[in-house]
Amino acid sequence: MSDSPLLSVEGLEKHYPIQEGLLRRTTGHVKAVDGISFEVREGETVGLVGESGCGKSTGAETILRLSEPTGGTVRFDGEPVDDHDSEARERFRRRTGVVFQDPNTAFDPRMTVAESVAEPLEIHGIDDADRRRDIVAELLEGVGLGAGALDRYPDSFSGGQKQRIALARALVLNPDLLVADEPVSALDVSVQADILQLLEDLSAELGLSMLFISHDLGVVREVCDRVVVMYLGEVVENAPVEELFENPQHPYTKALLGSIPDPDPTADRSRANLTGDVPDPADPPAGCSFHPRCPAVIPTEGYEFEDGVFRAVLDLRLAVEGGEIDPEEFDGKPSVRDAYDVPATLTDDEAEAELDAALDELLDGHAAAAADRLAETFTTVCERENPEPRTDENGRVAACHLHATQ
């Protein structure tokens, strides 16, 4: 594996305008990808992971220029892709291949397998039909189907076989970089392992670099050398795969790892529990975008809280601010505390006094006053400042205020 990056992504952004009214005026933006940076080195497989909607696929489409970026720079083999003229863009297309998530929608049902796989060859100037057919036949052998598939139509194959055909098409121009967007998520578990092994074998045999997009960290561990974790359009952690699994640095990464099923009945079942929902990318929270759900959110300076208690108090505060609490549904302050897992009494006397006063205001019908008191008292650096990514001596990156306090 070479130390030089084949693909370098720096501050990449993709924002979609929100347009309203008869005149379609822009009133805001959905920040699908918001300043991501990472590299893919020659011969390296990098996983891009996160929950659905975090911006993984949009990021890949923007890198490949299937969608134009809002900002940032993508360099391929040292050249900025932004500067490409039509000839340079065509060379870039030849050197990159992509496998999409659903093989059932990846093909024109009117074209045979030979026609579908050979189409990129024809587009890029190989006019000899016999030569195209020979190349396709060899590739189909390489992905485990054989030349007998050439004149059949995609609908006659299973999902796993279609994904093998899609992989053959992605490799037909002998690319340097393969982008695999959730290549096994639409397949039965029984065939996922075969496709993953095929990807791994072809990557080693052909010296491919690969950007492997997935929401499944268990799959990523099997095929990737390095992992980039995304949340709400941003990179929150970037580390070698084994280091990330053995010692995750970001609370979101820890939560993702905790969601992986473990068949070992004696394994440690403790995991970082996430509260709340993924925020709307059109209206992301201030500061760290993960703080409304983070189990390790940093408590207010000057107060002392037991483990997990500040998270519960902050959940209560956010619910009051959001107008989610109807006082008539609760039978006094203890029932409100119970609903949000807040202890009957906080260990810090000053914090307890402020919380108790806010609950009095809430139950007396003064929700705005309660929200103001809670917002003034129970604040966190996580909502005031967006953490800068920090790189340690081993080159792993994490964007979390916890590292600034250590």
Protein backbone atom coordinates (compact mmCIF):
# COMPACT_ATOMS: atom_id res chain seq x y z
CA MET A 1 0.00 0.00 0.00
CA SER A 2 1.39 3.39 -1.05
CA ASP A 3 1.68 6.35 1.32
CA SER A 4 0.59 8.80 -1.36
CA PRO A 5 -3.15 9.55 -1.51
CA LEU A 6 -4.97 8.59 -4.67
CA LEU A 7 -8.05 10.49 -3.51
CA SER A 8 -7.87 13.54 -1.25
CA VAL A 9 -11.07 15.23 -0.01
CA GLU A 10 -10.69 18.58 1.74
CA GLY A 11 -13.61 20.49 3.28
CA LEU A 12 -16.15 19.05 0.82
CA GLU A 13 -19.64 20.58 1.05
CA LYS A 14 -22.94 19.81 -0.61
CA HIS A 15 -25.82 22.09 0.42
CA TYR A 16 -29.29 21.94 -1.11
CA PRO A 17 -31.35 25.15 -1.15
CA ILE A 18 -34.76 25.23 0.55
CA GLN A 19 -37.09 27.23 -1.67
CA GLU A 20 -40.52 28.46 -0.62
CA GLY A 21 -43.33 30.62 -1.95
CA LEU A 22 -44.52 31.41 -5.45
CA LEU A 23 -41.21 33.04 -6.32
CA ARG A 24 -39.25 30.06 -4.97
CA ARG A 25 -37.05 32.22 -2.79
CA THR A 26 -34.23 30.44 -0.99
CA THR A 27 -34.98 30.48 2.75
CA GLY A 28 -32.29 28.08 3.95
CA HIS A 29 -30.13 25.13 3.05
CA VAL A 30 -29.99 21.41 3.82
CA LYS A 31 -26.34 20.73 4.66
CA ALA A 32 -26.16 17.16 3.43
CA VAL A 33 -22.35 17.23 3.43
CA ASP A 34 -20.73 19.91 5.55
CA GLY A 35 -16.96 20.15 5.28
CA ILE A 36 -15.73 16.53 5.23
CA SER A 37 -12.05 15.71 4.78
CA PHE A 38 -10.28 12.36 4.35
CA GLU A 39 -7.91 10.49 2.05
CA VAL A 40 -7.85 7.16 0.24
CA ARG A 41 -4.34 5.90 -0.48
CA GLU A 42 -3.28 3.63 -3.30
CA GLY A 43 -4.35 0.06 -2.56
CA GLU A 44 -6.29 1.13 0.55
CA THR A 45 -9.93 0.38 1.38
CA VAL A 46 -11.58 3.17 3.38
CA GLY A 47 -15.00 2.72 4.97
CA LEU A 48 -17.41 5.66 5.11
CA VAL A 49 -19.97 4.84 7.80
CA GLY A 50 -22.87 6.34 9.71
CA GLU A 51 -26.62 6.14 10.13
CA SER A 52 -28.96 6.53 7.16
CA GLY A 53 -29.19 10.19 6.19
CA CYS A 54 -25.76 11.17 7.51
CA GLY A 55 -24.49 12.19 4.06
CA LYS A 56 -22.41 9.15 3.07
CA SER A 57 -23.93 8.56 -0.36
CA THR A 58 -24.25 12.26 -1.13
CA GLY A 59 -20.59 12.66 -0.29
CA ALA A 60 -19.64 9.85 -2.67
CA GLU A 61 -21.80 11.27 -5.48
CA THR A 62 -20.18 14.68 -5.01
CA ILE A 63 -16.67 13.21 -5.00
CA LEU A 64 -17.43 11.45 -8.30
CA ARG A 65 -18.97 14.66 -9.70
CA LEU A 66 -22.33 13.00 -10.20
CA SER A 67 -23.43 16.03 -8.22
CA GLU A 68 -21.64 19.38 -8.19
CA PRO A 69 -20.21 20.42 -4.79
CA THR A 70 -21.10 23.58 -2.94
CA GLY A 71 -17.54 23.97 -1.67
CA GLY A 72 -14.32 22.21 -0.86
CA THR A 73 -11.70 20.46 -2.97
CA VAL A 74 -11.37 16.93 -4.34
CA ARG A 75 -7.96 15.86 -5.67
CA PHE A 76 -7.51 12.68 -7.64
CA ASP A 77 -3.94 11.53 -8.12
CA GLY A 78 -2.81 15.01 -7.09
CA GLU A 79 -4.99 16.93 -9.56
CA PRO A 80 -7.96 19.06 -8.38
CA VAL A 81 -11.06 17.59 -9.99
CA ASP A 82 -12.59 21.10 -10.05
CA ASP A 83 -9.98 22.15 -12.64
CA HIS A 84 -10.76 19.34 -15.08
CA ASP A 85 -11.67 20.24 -18.62
CA SER A 86 -13.81 17.81 -20.61
CA GLU A 87 -10.84 15.59 -21.56
CA ALA A 88 -9.52 15.46 -17.99
CA ARG A 89 -13.02 14.73 -16.67
CA GLU A 90 -13.30 11.84 -19.12
CA ARG A 91 -9.97 10.42 -17.88
CA PHE A 92 -11.22 10.78 -14.31
CA ARG A 93 -14.37 8.86 -15.21
CA ARG A 94 -12.30 6.05 -16.73
CA ARG A 95 -10.23 5.73 -13.58
CA THR A 96 -13.20 5.50 -11.21
CA GLY A 97 -15.91 2.88 -10.95
CA VAL A 98 -19.05 2.72 -8.83
CA VAL A 99 -21.30 -0.04 -7.51
CA PHE A 100 -24.71 1.15 -6.33
CA GLN A 101 -26.78 -0.17 -3.46
CA ASP A 102 -29.68 -1.89 -5.20
CA PRO A 103 -28.69 -4.20 -8.09
CA ASN A 104 -32.36 -4.58 -9.05
CA THR A 105 -32.50 -0.97 -10.28
CA ALA A 106 -28.96 -0.76 -11.66
CA PHE A 107 -29.66 -2.16 -15.13
CA ASP A 108 -31.77 -1.36 -18.19
CA PRO A 109 -33.99 -4.46 -18.46
CA ARG A 110 -33.98 -4.13 -22.27
CA MET A 111 -30.21 -4.67 -22.47
CA THR A 112 -28.44 -8.00 -22.18
CA VAL A 113 -25.68 -8.46 -19.62
CA ALA A 114 -23.09 -8.19 -22.39
CA GLU A 115 -24.56 -4.88 -23.57
CA SER A 116 -24.84 -3.44 -20.06
CA VAL A 117 -21.32 -4.33 -18.96
CA ALA A 118 -19.80 -3.27 -22.29
CA GLU A 119 -21.58 0.09 -22.42
CA PRO A 120 -18.76 2.02 -20.63
CA LEU A 121 -16.26 0.56 -23.12
CA GLU A 122 -18.29 1.86 -26.03
CA ILE A 123 -18.71 5.28 -24.40
CA HIS A 124 -14.96 5.55 -23.92
CA GLY A 125 -14.08 4.75 -27.49
CA ILE A 126 -13.63 0.98 -27.85
CA ASP A 127 -15.54 0.46 -31.09
CA ASP A 128 -14.59 -3.16 -31.79
CA ALA A 129 -17.66 -5.17 -30.72
CA ASP A 130 -15.76 -8.49 -30.62
CA ARG A 131 -13.08 -6.99 -28.37
CA ARG A 132 -15.75 -5.56 -26.04
CA ARG A 133 -17.43 -8.96 -25.82
CA ASP A 134 -14.14 -10.70 -25.02
CA ILE A 135 -13.39 -8.19 -22.25
CA VAL A 136 -16.86 -8.64 -20.75
CA ALA A 137 -16.62 -12.43 -20.92
CA GLU A 138 -13.30 -12.36 -19.07
CA LEU A 139 -14.70 -10.05 -16.40
CA LEU A 140 -17.77 -12.20 -15.86
CA GLU A 141 -15.47 -15.17 -15.32
CA GLY A 142 -13.56 -13.05 -12.80
CA VAL A 143 -16.69 -12.27 -10.78
CA GLY A 144 -17.81 -15.89 -10.75
CA LEU A 145 -20.55 -15.97 -13.41
CA GLY A 146 -18.92 -17.17 -16.63
CA ALA A 147 -19.48 -16.37 -20.28
CA GLY A 148 -22.85 -18.13 -20.25
CA ALA A 149 -24.34 -14.99 -18.69
CA LEU A 150 -23.47 -12.77 -21.68
CA ASP A 151 -26.70 -13.00 -23.64
CA ARG A 152 -29.11 -13.28 -20.76
CA TYR A 153 -31.11 -10.38 -19.32
CA PRO A 154 -30.64 -8.99 -15.79
CA ASP A 155 -34.09 -10.08 -14.60
CA SER A 156 -33.08 -13.74 -15.00
CA PHE A 157 -30.47 -13.43 -12.22
CA SER A 158 -30.72 -13.37 -8.44
CA GLY A 159 -29.84 -10.27 -6.41
CA GLY A 160 -26.37 -11.57 -5.60
CA GLN A 161 -25.69 -12.44 -9.24
CA LYS A 162 -26.86 -8.98 -10.34
CA GLN A 163 -24.44 -7.40 -7.91
CA ARG A 164 -21.64 -9.48 -9.43
CA ILE A 165 -22.65 -8.13 -12.83
CA ALA A 166 -22.70 -4.60 -11.43
CA LEU A 167 -19.20 -5.16 -10.08
CA ALA A 168 -18.04 -6.39 -13.50
CA ARG A 169 -19.43 -3.25 -15.10
CA ALA A 170 -17.70 -1.06 -12.51
CA LEU A 171 -14.38 -2.76 -13.26
CA VAL A 172 -14.68 -2.92 -17.05
CA LEU A 173 -12.48 0.17 -17.59
CA ASN A 174 -9.84 -1.12 -15.17
CA PRO A 175 -10.30 1.75 -12.68
CA ASP A 176 -7.89 2.80 -9.94
CA LEU A 177 -10.67 3.71 -7.49
CA LEU A 178 -13.86 1.75 -6.83
CA VAL A 179 -16.72 3.39 -4.92
CA ALA A 180 -19.02 0.74 -3.45
CA ASP A 181 -22.20 2.33 -2.05
CA GLU A 182 -23.85 -0.12 0.37
CA PRO A 183 -23.03 -2.98 -2.04
CA VAL A 184 -24.48 -5.76 0.14
CA SER A 185 -27.25 -4.07 2.15
CA ALA A 186 -29.96 -5.05 -0.38
CA LEU A 187 -28.81 -8.69 -0.51
CA ASP A 188 -29.76 -11.71 1.56
CA VAL A 189 -27.40 -12.43 4.41
CA SER A 190 -26.60 -15.76 2.77
CA VAL A 191 -24.93 -14.04 -0.21
CA GLN A 192 -23.46 -10.97 1.51
CA ALA A 193 -20.33 -12.84 2.60
CA ASP A 194 -19.68 -14.05 -0.96
CA ILE A 195 -19.85 -10.51 -2.40
CA LEU A 196 -17.64 -9.11 0.36
CA GLN A 197 -15.06 -11.82 -0.24
CA LEU A 198 -15.20 -11.12 -3.97
CA LEU A 199 -14.61 -7.40 -3.36
CA GLU A 200 -11.68 -8.18 -1.09
CA ASP A 201 -10.14 -10.64 -3.55
CA LEU A 202 -10.51 -8.30 -6.54
CA SER A 203 -9.10 -5.37 -4.59
CA ALA A 204 -5.99 -7.37 -3.72
CA GLU A 205 -5.63 -8.89 -7.18
CA LEU A 206 -6.09 -5.63 -9.11
CA GLY A 207 -4.44 -3.27 -6.61
CA LEU A 208 -7.67 -1.28 -6.31
CA SER A 209 -8.29 1.57 -3.94
CA MET A 210 -11.83 1.43 -2.60
CA LEU A 211 -14.26 3.76 -0.87
CA PHE A 212 -16.68 1.39 0.86
CA ILE A 213 -19.91 3.03 2.07
CA SER A 214 -21.98 1.25 4.70
CA HIS A 215 -24.11 1.70 7.80
CA ASP A 216 -22.97 -1.71 9.05
CA LEU A 217 -19.74 -1.53 11.05
CA GLY A 218 -19.59 -5.32 11.27
CA VAL A 219 -19.26 -5.45 7.47
CA VAL A 220 -16.76 -2.58 7.44
CA ARG A 221 -14.47 -4.39 9.85
CA GLU A 222 -14.19 -7.29 7.44
CA VAL A 223 -13.07 -5.37 4.37
CA CYS A 224 -11.64 -1.96 5.34
CA ASP A 225 -8.20 -0.70 6.35
CA ARG A 226 -9.43 2.65 7.69
CA VAL A 227 -12.83 3.97 8.78
CA VAL A 228 -14.31 7.47 8.44
CA VAL A 229 -17.37 8.01 10.66
CA MET A 230 -19.97 10.60 9.61
CA TYR A 231 -22.80 12.20 11.56
CA LEU A 232 -25.20 14.78 10.12
CA GLY A 233 -22.93 15.67 7.22
CA GLU A 234 -19.69 15.93 9.22
CA VAL A 235 -16.74 13.63 9.91
CA VAL A 236 -16.55 12.89 13.63
CA GLU A 237 -13.81 10.25 13.63
CA ASN A 238 -11.21 8.81 11.25
CA ALA A 239 -8.97 5.93 12.32
CA PRO A 240 -7.42 2.61 11.27
CA VAL A 241 -10.09 -0.04 11.50
CA GLU A 242 -8.68 -2.08 14.40
CA GLU A 243 -7.83 1.02 16.44
CA LEU A 244 -11.36 2.32 15.94
CA PHE A 245 -12.93 -0.95 17.06
CA GLU A 246 -10.60 -1.42 20.02
CA ASN A 247 -10.51 2.18 21.24
CA PRO A 248 -13.18 4.46 19.72
CA GLN A 249 -12.65 8.13 20.57
CA HIS A 250 -15.99 9.74 19.69
CA PRO A 251 -19.19 8.97 21.65
CA TYR A 252 -21.11 8.48 18.41
CA THR A 253 -18.61 5.87 17.23
CA LYS A 254 -18.96 4.10 20.59
CA ALA A 255 -22.74 4.07 20.16
CA LEU A 256 -22.46 2.61 16.64
CA LEU A 257 -20.11 -0.10 17.86
CA GLY A 258 -22.47 -0.86 20.73
CA SER A 259 -25.26 -1.54 18.26
CA ILE A 260 -23.39 -4.45 16.64
CA PRO A 261 -24.95 -7.76 17.77
CA ASP A 262 -22.55 -10.02 19.67
CA PRO A 263 -23.35 -13.76 19.68
CA ASP A 264 -21.15 -14.32 22.73
CA PRO A 265 -23.46 -14.61 25.79
CA THR A 266 -20.57 -13.77 28.13
CA ALA A 267 -19.66 -10.53 26.29
CA ASP A 268 -19.96 -7.17 27.99
CA ARG A 269 -23.44 -5.88 27.11
CA SER A 270 -22.87 -2.31 28.30
CA ARG A 271 -23.32 0.17 25.46
CA ALA A 272 -23.70 3.88 24.95
CA ASN A 273 -27.43 4.54 24.70
CA LEU A 274 -28.57 7.30 22.37
CA THR A 275 -31.52 9.50 23.27
CA GLY A 276 -33.65 11.60 20.95
CA ASP A 277 -33.87 11.59 17.18
CA VAL A 278 -31.40 12.52 14.43
CA PRO A 279 -31.73 16.30 13.96
CA ASP A 280 -33.10 17.83 10.79
CA PRO A 281 -30.14 18.68 8.49
CA ALA A 282 -32.12 21.75 7.38
CA ASP A 283 -32.01 23.00 10.98
CA PRO A 284 -28.97 21.44 12.66
CA PRO A 285 -28.30 22.13 16.34
CA ALA A 286 -25.75 24.73 17.35
CA GLY A 287 -22.31 23.61 18.46
CA CYS A 288 -21.58 19.92 18.15
CA SER A 289 -24.38 18.44 16.05
CA PHE A 290 -24.35 15.28 18.18
CA HIS A 291 -24.85 16.98 21.56
CA PRO A 292 -28.68 16.58 21.70
CA ARG A 293 -28.16 12.78 21.71
CA CYS A 294 -24.67 12.36 23.14
CA PRO A 295 -24.44 10.14 26.26
CA ALA A 296 -21.11 11.82 27.19
CA VAL A 297 -22.22 15.44 26.79
CA ILE A 298 -20.01 17.70 28.95
CA PRO A 299 -21.83 19.04 32.05
CA THR A 300 -22.18 22.68 33.05
CA GLU A 301 -19.00 24.07 34.62
CA GLY A 302 -19.29 24.65 38.35
CA TYR A 303 -21.82 21.88 39.00
CA GLU A 304 -21.18 18.25 39.87
CA PHE A 305 -23.29 15.46 38.40
CA GLU A 306 -23.22 11.70 38.73
CA ASP A 307 -22.62 9.71 35.53
CA GLY A 308 -25.48 10.09 33.09
CA VAL A 309 -27.44 12.58 35.19
CA PHE A 310 -26.53 15.68 33.20
CA ARG A 311 -27.66 13.89 30.02
CA ALA A 312 -31.05 13.29 31.66
CA VAL A 313 -31.34 16.90 32.83
CA LEU A 314 -30.42 18.14 29.36
CA ASP A 315 -33.07 15.87 27.80
CA LEU A 316 -35.62 17.41 30.17
CA ARG A 317 -34.45 20.91 29.28
CA LEU A 318 -34.69 20.25 25.54
CA ALA A 319 -38.18 18.81 25.98
CA VAL A 320 -39.33 21.92 27.87
CA GLU A 321 -37.79 24.19 25.23
CA GLY A 322 -39.50 22.20 22.49
CA GLY A 323 -42.92 22.45 24.14
CA GLU A 324 -43.10 18.67 24.45
CA ILE A 325 -44.30 18.58 28.07
CA ASP A 326 -47.98 19.03 28.96
CA PRO A 327 -48.17 19.80 32.71
CA GLU A 328 -51.64 18.26 32.91
CA GLU A 329 -50.20 14.84 32.02
CA PHE A 330 -47.97 14.78 35.12
CA ASP A 331 -48.83 14.30 38.76
CA GLY A 332 -46.29 16.63 40.34
CA LYS A 333 -42.56 17.11 40.02
CA PRO A 334 -41.54 13.51 40.84
CA SER A 335 -43.46 12.19 37.84
CA VAL A 336 -41.70 14.67 35.53
CA ARG A 337 -38.33 13.58 36.89
CA ASP A 338 -39.24 9.91 36.47
CA ALA A 339 -40.30 10.45 32.86
CA TYR A 340 -36.84 11.78 31.99
CA ASP A 341 -34.79 9.57 34.33
CA VAL A 342 -33.76 12.54 36.45
CA PRO A 343 -32.97 11.52 40.07
CA ALA A 344 -35.32 12.61 42.84
CA THR A 345 -32.56 14.90 44.11
CA LEU A 346 -29.42 16.11 42.34
CA THR A 347 -26.19 15.73 44.30
CA ASP A 348 -25.27 19.38 43.66
CA ASP A 349 -27.41 21.62 45.89
CA GLU A 350 -27.28 24.68 43.64
CA ALA A 351 -28.20 22.69 40.56
CA GLU A 352 -31.03 21.01 42.48
CA ALA A 353 -32.43 24.37 43.58
CA GLU A 354 -32.52 25.69 40.02
CA LEU A 355 -34.07 22.49 38.64
CA ASP A 356 -36.72 22.42 41.36
CA ALA A 357 -37.63 26.07 40.69
CA ALA A 358 -37.88 25.38 36.95
CA LEU A 359 -40.20 22.44 37.56
CA ASP A 360 -42.40 24.63 39.75
CA GLU A 361 -42.64 27.16 36.92
CA LEU A 362 -43.39 24.46 34.39
CA LEU A 363 -46.20 22.86 36.39
CA ASP A 364 -47.67 26.29 37.21
CA GLY A 365 -48.11 26.92 33.49
CA HIS A 366 -45.07 29.15 32.97
CA ALA A 367 -43.26 26.97 30.46
CA ALA A 368 -41.35 29.86 28.87
CA ALA A 369 -39.94 30.93 32.25
CA ALA A 370 -38.99 27.32 33.02
CA ALA A 371 -37.27 26.98 29.64
CA ASP A 372 -35.32 30.20 30.21
CA ARG A 373 -34.19 29.10 33.66
CA LEU A 374 -33.10 25.67 32.46
CA ALA A 375 -31.29 27.13 29.44
CA GLU A 376 -29.44 29.64 31.61
CA THR A 377 -28.49 27.11 34.28
CA PHE A 378 -27.83 23.85 32.46
CA THR A 379 -25.59 24.79 29.53
CA THR A 380 -22.73 22.91 27.92
CA VAL A 381 -19.76 23.79 25.76
CA CYS A 382 -21.05 21.13 23.38
CA GLU A 383 -23.94 23.37 22.32
CA ARG A 384 -21.92 26.59 22.22
CA GLU A 385 -18.97 25.53 20.08
CA ASN A 386 -18.50 23.11 17.21
CA PRO A 387 -15.43 21.02 18.11
CA GLU A 388 -12.44 21.22 15.81
CA PRO A 389 -11.09 17.89 14.55
CA ARG A 390 -7.99 16.89 16.51
CA THR A 391 -5.29 14.62 15.12
CA ASP A 392 -3.21 12.53 17.51
CA GLU A 393 0.39 11.39 17.06
CA ASN A 394 -0.81 8.25 15.23
CA GLY A 395 -2.81 10.21 12.67
CA ARG A 396 -6.29 9.31 13.92
CA VAL A 397 -8.83 12.13 13.94
CA ALA A 398 -11.73 12.83 16.31
CA ALA A 399 -13.95 15.91 16.60
CA CYS A 400 -15.13 16.02 20.22
CA HIS A 401 -14.83 18.49 23.10
CA LEU A 402 -13.94 15.62 25.42
CA HIS A 403 -10.45 15.56 23.91
CA ALA A 404 -9.97 19.25 24.60
CA THR A 405 -10.64 18.60 28.30
CA GLN A 406 -8.20 15.69 28.64
